[in-house]
Amino acid sequence: MSVLAEQQTVIDLIADAVESTSKPRSEDIAADLVYRLDPDQLQELAKDALNREVRSYLRALKSISADTGRAKEARGVPRSTRWDGVRRDAESGELDLARLTVETGEDSKPLLDCMYGDLADASENHLRFAMANEVFADQYRKLADRLLEDDNARTVRDLPQREVRRILSA
C-alpha cells in the first residue's frame, strides 16, 4: 500500500491546500505540499510522476516507430507525433511527400495533388478548429476558476448547473 493511500490522496492534499488560501496559485500550492509531505511521500510522488512521463514517452516512441517503420530517437514527447515525424523526416531528407495528405474540410487529398484552393481551404479549416479549441479552453478555465471561488465545490457537479450552462454557452 502506498504511503499516501494510508493517509490522504494527493487530490485530498491539494484540495486542503486550495481551501486554506483565498487566492490559490499553483506554485504556492505545490510549495505548500512539498513542505507538508515527508521525504517518503515526496519520493513516491516523484516516482509516480516519472512513471507516467516514461510511459507517455514510450508510447510516443512506439507511435513514431510505427509511423515511419523504423526506430528513431524521440526528443521528448511529441505534441503531434505525425507532424513531428514529418519534421524529422524533412530534416533528414527522408520525407516522402507522396505519403502526406491534407484535410481540406470537404475531403482528404494527397499533398502533391493539392491546388491553391485546397490548401487555402485546409488552412481555414484548421484555423476554425484552432478557434474552437480556444473557446473550449476558455470555458474550461472559467469553470476551473469558478470551482476555486466556491468553497463547497470540488467538482463541476457541485456547481449550480445554471452557471455551468451559462459558462459553456458563452
C-alpha atoms as a PDB file:
ATOM      1  CA  MET A   1       0.000   0.000   0.000  1.00  0.00           C
ATOM      2  CA  SER A   2       1.354   3.419  -0.843  1.00  0.00           C
ATOM      3  CA  VAL A   3       2.390   5.926   1.781  1.00  0.00           C
ATOM      4  CA  LEU A   4      -0.185   8.446   0.551  1.00  0.00           C
ATOM      5  CA  ALA A   5      -3.018   5.905   0.378  1.00  0.00           C
ATOM      6  CA  GLU A   6      -2.546   5.216   4.067  1.00  0.00           C
ATOM      7  CA  GLN A   7      -3.182   8.858   4.891  1.00  0.00           C
ATOM      8  CA  GLN A   8      -4.716  11.039   2.183  1.00  0.00           C
ATOM      9  CA  THR A   9      -4.761  11.027  -1.581  1.00  0.00           C
ATOM     10  CA  VAL A  10      -2.833  13.686  -3.465  1.00  0.00           C
ATOM     11  CA  ILE A  11      -6.151  15.181  -4.594  1.00  0.00           C
ATOM     12  CA  ASP A  12      -7.245  15.477  -0.949  1.00  0.00           C
ATOM     13  CA  LEU A  13      -3.978  17.217  -0.073  1.00  0.00           C
ATOM     14  CA  ILE A  14      -4.346  19.609  -2.998  1.00  0.00           C
ATOM     15  CA  ALA A  15      -7.969  20.320  -2.097  1.00  0.00           C
ATOM     16  CA  ASP A  16      -6.998  21.047   1.513  1.00  0.00           C
ATOM     17  CA  ALA A  17      -4.221  23.372   0.395  1.00  0.00           C
ATOM     18  CA  VAL A  18      -6.528  25.196  -2.040  1.00  0.00           C
ATOM     19  CA  GLU A  19      -9.216  25.573   0.616  1.00  0.00           C
ATOM     20  CA  SER A  20      -6.730  27.039   3.084  1.00  0.00           C
ATOM     21  CA  THR A  21      -5.942  30.066   0.915  1.00  0.00           C
ATOM     22  CA  SER A  22      -8.074  32.858  -0.509  1.00  0.00           C
ATOM     23  CA  LYS A  23      -6.034  33.245  -3.724  1.00  0.00           C
ATOM     24  CA  PRO A  24      -4.668  29.838  -4.705  1.00  0.00           C
ATOM     25  CA  ARG A  25      -1.718  29.804  -7.093  1.00  0.00           C
ATOM     26  CA  SER A  26      -0.323  26.547  -8.403  1.00  0.00           C
ATOM     27  CA  GLU A  27       3.251  27.456  -7.388  1.00  0.00           C
ATOM     28  CA  ASP A  28       2.187  28.252  -3.816  1.00  0.00           C
ATOM     29  CA  ILE A  29       0.077  25.099  -3.522  1.00  0.00           C
ATOM     30  CA  ALA A  30       2.948  22.938  -4.802  1.00  0.00           C
ATOM     31  CA  ALA A  31       5.400  24.600  -2.397  1.00  0.00           C
ATOM     32  CA  ASP A  32       2.983  24.036   0.473  1.00  0.00           C
ATOM     33  CA  LEU A  33       2.607  20.357  -0.428  1.00  0.00           C
ATOM     34  CA  VAL A  34       6.378  19.865  -0.667  1.00  0.00           C
ATOM     35  CA  TYR A  35       6.690  21.369   2.806  1.00  0.00           C
ATOM     36  CA  ARG A  36       3.872  19.206   4.257  1.00  0.00           C
ATOM     37  CA  LEU A  37       4.923  15.858   2.749  1.00  0.00           C
ATOM     38  CA  ASP A  38       7.646  13.734   4.257  1.00  0.00           C
ATOM     39  CA  PRO A  39      10.582  12.511   2.120  1.00  0.00           C
ATOM     40  CA  ASP A  40       8.997   9.070   1.533  1.00  0.00           C
ATOM     41  CA  GLN A  41       5.805  10.661   0.248  1.00  0.00           C
ATOM     42  CA  LEU A  42       7.738  13.056  -1.983  1.00  0.00           C
ATOM     43  CA  GLN A  43       9.791  10.197  -3.375  1.00  0.00           C
ATOM     44  CA  GLU A  44       6.635   8.190  -4.105  1.00  0.00           C
ATOM     45  CA  LEU A  45       5.026  11.168  -5.859  1.00  0.00           C
ATOM     46  CA  ALA A  46       8.162  11.742  -7.918  1.00  0.00           C
ATOM     47  CA  LYS A  47       8.305   8.057  -8.852  1.00  0.00           C
ATOM     48  CA  ASP A  48       4.632   8.046  -9.890  1.00  0.00           C
ATOM     49  CA  ALA A  49       5.039  11.232 -11.943  1.00  0.00           C
ATOM     50  CA  LEU A  50       8.181   9.925 -13.622  1.00  0.00           C
ATOM     51  CA  ASN A  51       6.471   6.615 -14.344  1.00  0.00           C
ATOM     52  CA  ARG A  52       3.650   8.470 -16.160  1.00  0.00           C
ATOM     53  CA  GLU A  53       6.174  10.531 -18.137  1.00  0.00           C
ATOM     54  CA  VAL A  54       8.176   7.429 -19.101  1.00  0.00           C
ATOM     55  CA  ARG A  55       5.010   5.609 -20.238  1.00  0.00           C
ATOM     56  CA  SER A  56       3.985   8.633 -22.286  1.00  0.00           C
ATOM     57  CA  TYR A  57       7.454   8.874 -23.822  1.00  0.00           C
ATOM     58  CA  LEU A  58       7.491   5.162 -24.688  1.00  0.00           C
ATOM     59  CA  ARG A  59       4.014   5.413 -26.271  1.00  0.00           C
ATOM     60  CA  ALA A  60       5.212   8.335 -28.379  1.00  0.00           C
ATOM     61  CA  LEU A  61       8.384   6.498 -29.348  1.00  0.00           C
ATOM     62  CA  LYS A  62       6.395   3.401 -30.294  1.00  0.00           C
ATOM     63  CA  SER A  63       3.990   5.538 -32.329  1.00  0.00           C
ATOM     64  CA  ILE A  64       6.867   7.232 -34.153  1.00  0.00           C
ATOM     65  CA  SER A  65       8.395   3.858 -34.985  1.00  0.00           C
ATOM     66  CA  ALA A  66       5.030   2.576 -36.241  1.00  0.00           C
ATOM     67  CA  ASP A  67       4.511   5.681 -38.413  1.00  0.00           C
ATOM     68  CA  THR A  68       7.914   5.526 -40.070  1.00  0.00           C
ATOM     69  CA  GLY A  69       8.658   1.818 -39.972  1.00  0.00           C
ATOM     70  CA  ARG A  70      11.966   2.473 -38.254  1.00  0.00           C
ATOM     71  CA  ALA A  71      13.095   3.253 -34.750  1.00  0.00           C
ATOM     72  CA  LYS A  72      14.076   6.826 -34.149  1.00  0.00           C
ATOM     73  CA  GLU A  73      15.192   8.631 -31.068  1.00  0.00           C
ATOM     74  CA  ALA A  74      12.300  10.693 -29.730  1.00  0.00           C
ATOM     75  CA  ARG A  75      13.166  14.155 -28.496  1.00  0.00           C
ATOM     76  CA  GLY A  76      10.683  14.402 -25.651  1.00  0.00           C
ATOM     77  CA  VAL A  77       7.022  13.631 -26.041  1.00  0.00           C
ATOM     78  CA  PRO A  78       5.766  14.892 -29.382  1.00  0.00           C
ATOM     79  CA  ARG A  79       2.763  17.187 -29.344  1.00  0.00           C
ATOM     80  CA  SER A  80       1.781  15.755 -32.699  1.00  0.00           C
ATOM     81  CA  THR A  81       3.572  12.534 -33.453  1.00  0.00           C
ATOM     82  CA  ARG A  82       2.558  12.717 -37.102  1.00  0.00           C
ATOM     83  CA  TRP A  83       3.908  16.207 -37.739  1.00  0.00           C
ATOM     84  CA  ASP A  84       6.975  15.753 -35.549  1.00  0.00           C
ATOM     85  CA  GLY A  85       7.745  12.657 -37.650  1.00  0.00           C
ATOM     86  CA  VAL A  86       7.264  14.716 -40.823  1.00  0.00           C
ATOM     87  CA  ARG A  87       9.590  17.414 -39.469  1.00  0.00           C
ATOM     88  CA  ARG A  88      12.303  14.887 -38.597  1.00  0.00           C
ATOM     89  CA  ASP A  89      11.978  13.193 -41.990  1.00  0.00           C
ATOM     90  CA  ALA A  90      12.213  16.584 -43.719  1.00  0.00           C
ATOM     91  CA  GLU A  91      15.329  17.480 -41.725  1.00  0.00           C
ATOM     92  CA  SER A  92      16.980  14.169 -42.606  1.00  0.00           C
ATOM     93  CA  GLY A  93      15.975  14.313 -46.279  1.00  0.00           C
ATOM     94  CA  GLU A  94      13.828  11.167 -45.907  1.00  0.00           C
ATOM     95  CA  LEU A  95      10.428  12.884 -46.214  1.00  0.00           C
ATOM     96  CA  ASP A  96       8.162  11.025 -48.630  1.00  0.00           C
ATOM     97  CA  LEU A  97       5.814  13.741 -49.891  1.00  0.00           C
ATOM     98  CA  ALA A  98       3.610  11.146 -51.563  1.00  0.00           C
ATOM     99  CA  ARG A  99       2.612   9.857 -48.095  1.00  0.00           C
ATOM    100  CA  LEU A 100       1.262  13.187 -46.880  1.00  0.00           C
ATOM    101  CA  THR A 101      -2.437  14.004 -47.042  1.00  0.00           C
ATOM    102  CA  VAL A 102      -4.262  17.269 -46.490  1.00  0.00           C
ATOM    103  CA  GLU A 103      -7.708  17.596 -44.928  1.00  0.00           C
ATOM    104  CA  THR A 104      -9.402  20.296 -46.997  1.00  0.00           C
ATOM    105  CA  GLY A 105     -12.604  20.337 -44.966  1.00  0.00           C
ATOM    106  CA  GLU A 106     -14.594  18.511 -47.629  1.00  0.00           C
ATOM    107  CA  ASP A 107     -12.237  15.630 -48.294  1.00  0.00           C
ATOM    108  CA  SER A 108      -8.727  14.330 -47.859  1.00  0.00           C
ATOM    109  CA  LYS A 109      -6.269  14.758 -50.731  1.00  0.00           C
ATOM    110  CA  PRO A 110      -2.661  13.783 -51.271  1.00  0.00           C
ATOM    111  CA  LEU A 111      -0.475  16.840 -50.693  1.00  0.00           C
ATOM    112  CA  LEU A 112       1.084  16.549 -54.149  1.00  0.00           C
ATOM    113  CA  ASP A 113      -2.383  16.809 -55.763  1.00  0.00           C
ATOM    114  CA  CYS A 114      -3.419  19.950 -53.843  1.00  0.00           C
ATOM    115  CA  MET A 115      -4.066  23.193 -55.663  1.00  0.00           C
ATOM    116  CA  TYR A 116      -4.223  26.689 -54.170  1.00  0.00           C
ATOM    117  CA  GLY A 117      -7.906  26.361 -53.243  1.00  0.00           C
ATOM    118  CA  ASP A 118      -7.336  23.028 -51.488  1.00  0.00           C
ATOM    119  CA  LEU A 119      -4.542  24.456 -49.345  1.00  0.00           C
ATOM    120  CA  ALA A 120      -6.466  27.661 -48.598  1.00  0.00           C
ATOM    121  CA  ASP A 121      -9.491  25.568 -47.551  1.00  0.00           C
ATOM    122  CA  ALA A 122      -7.286  23.332 -45.393  1.00  0.00           C
ATOM    123  CA  SER A 123      -5.778  26.387 -43.735  1.00  0.00           C
ATOM    124  CA  GLU A 124      -9.211  27.875 -42.992  1.00  0.00           C
ATOM    125  CA  ASN A 125     -10.431  24.523 -41.711  1.00  0.00           C
ATOM    126  CA  HIS A 126      -7.517  24.241 -39.286  1.00  0.00           C
ATOM    127  CA  LEU A 127      -7.987  27.845 -38.153  1.00  0.00           C
ATOM    128  CA  ARG A 128     -11.658  27.091 -37.365  1.00  0.00           C
ATOM    129  CA  PHE A 129     -10.577  24.108 -35.247  1.00  0.00           C
ATOM    130  CA  ALA A 130      -7.951  26.229 -33.502  1.00  0.00           C
ATOM    131  CA  MET A 131     -10.516  28.916 -32.681  1.00  0.00           C
ATOM    132  CA  ALA A 132     -12.949  26.297 -31.386  1.00  0.00           C
ATOM    133  CA  ASN A 133     -10.200  24.868 -29.181  1.00  0.00           C
ATOM    134  CA  GLU A 134      -9.511  28.353 -27.819  1.00  0.00           C
ATOM    135  CA  VAL A 135     -13.197  28.707 -26.930  1.00  0.00           C
ATOM    136  CA  PHE A 136     -13.209  25.313 -25.186  1.00  0.00           C
ATOM    137  CA  ALA A 137     -10.015  26.179 -23.313  1.00  0.00           C
ATOM    138  CA  ASP A 138     -11.537  29.479 -22.164  1.00  0.00           C
ATOM    139  CA  GLN A 139     -14.713  27.732 -20.990  1.00  0.00           C
ATOM    140  CA  TYR A 140     -12.735  25.117 -19.046  1.00  0.00           C
ATOM    141  CA  ARG A 141     -10.597  27.850 -17.464  1.00  0.00           C
ATOM    142  CA  LYS A 142     -13.756  29.712 -16.378  1.00  0.00           C
ATOM    143  CA  LEU A 143     -15.172  26.510 -14.873  1.00  0.00           C
ATOM    144  CA  ALA A 144     -11.883  25.863 -13.058  1.00  0.00           C
ATOM    145  CA  ASP A 145     -11.851  29.419 -11.716  1.00  0.00           C
ATOM    146  CA  ARG A 146     -15.460  29.036 -10.606  1.00  0.00           C
ATOM    147  CA  LEU A 147     -14.533  25.849  -8.705  1.00  0.00           C
ATOM    148  CA  LEU A 148     -11.848  27.786  -6.850  1.00  0.00           C
ATOM    149  CA  GLU A 149     -14.333  30.522  -5.944  1.00  0.00           C
ATOM    150  CA  ASP A 150     -16.908  28.146  -4.439  1.00  0.00           C
ATOM    151  CA  ASP A 151     -15.801  26.781  -1.052  1.00  0.00           C
ATOM    152  CA  ASN A 152     -18.340  23.957  -1.271  1.00  0.00           C
ATOM    153  CA  ALA A 153     -17.451  22.754  -4.765  1.00  0.00           C
ATOM    154  CA  ARG A 154     -14.753  20.219  -5.583  1.00  0.00           C
ATOM    155  CA  THR A 155     -16.163  19.094  -8.931  1.00  0.00           C
ATOM    156  CA  VAL A 156     -18.275  20.724 -11.625  1.00  0.00           C
ATOM    157  CA  ARG A 157     -21.192  18.599 -10.374  1.00  0.00           C
ATOM    158  CA  ASP A 158     -21.099  20.683  -7.166  1.00  0.00           C
ATOM    159  CA  LEU A 159     -21.596  23.963  -9.055  1.00  0.00           C
ATOM    160  CA  PRO A 160     -25.060  25.318  -9.877  1.00  0.00           C
ATOM    161  CA  GLN A 161     -25.979  23.757 -13.230  1.00  0.00           C
ATOM    162  CA  ARG A 162     -27.407  27.057 -14.403  1.00  0.00           C
ATOM    163  CA  GLU A 163     -23.946  28.648 -14.031  1.00  0.00           C
ATOM    164  CA  VAL A 164     -22.236  25.725 -15.752  1.00  0.00           C
ATOM    165  CA  ARG A 165     -24.636  26.026 -18.688  1.00  0.00           C
ATOM    166  CA  ARG A 166     -24.071  29.797 -18.843  1.00  0.00           C
ATOM    167  CA  ILE A 167     -20.280  29.325 -18.981  1.00  0.00           C
ATOM    168  CA  LEU A 168     -20.493  26.579 -21.598  1.00  0.00           C
ATOM    169  CA  SER A 169     -22.859  28.563 -23.805  1.00  0.00           C
ATOM    170  CA  ALA A 170     -20.792  31.759 -23.737  1.00  0.00           C
END
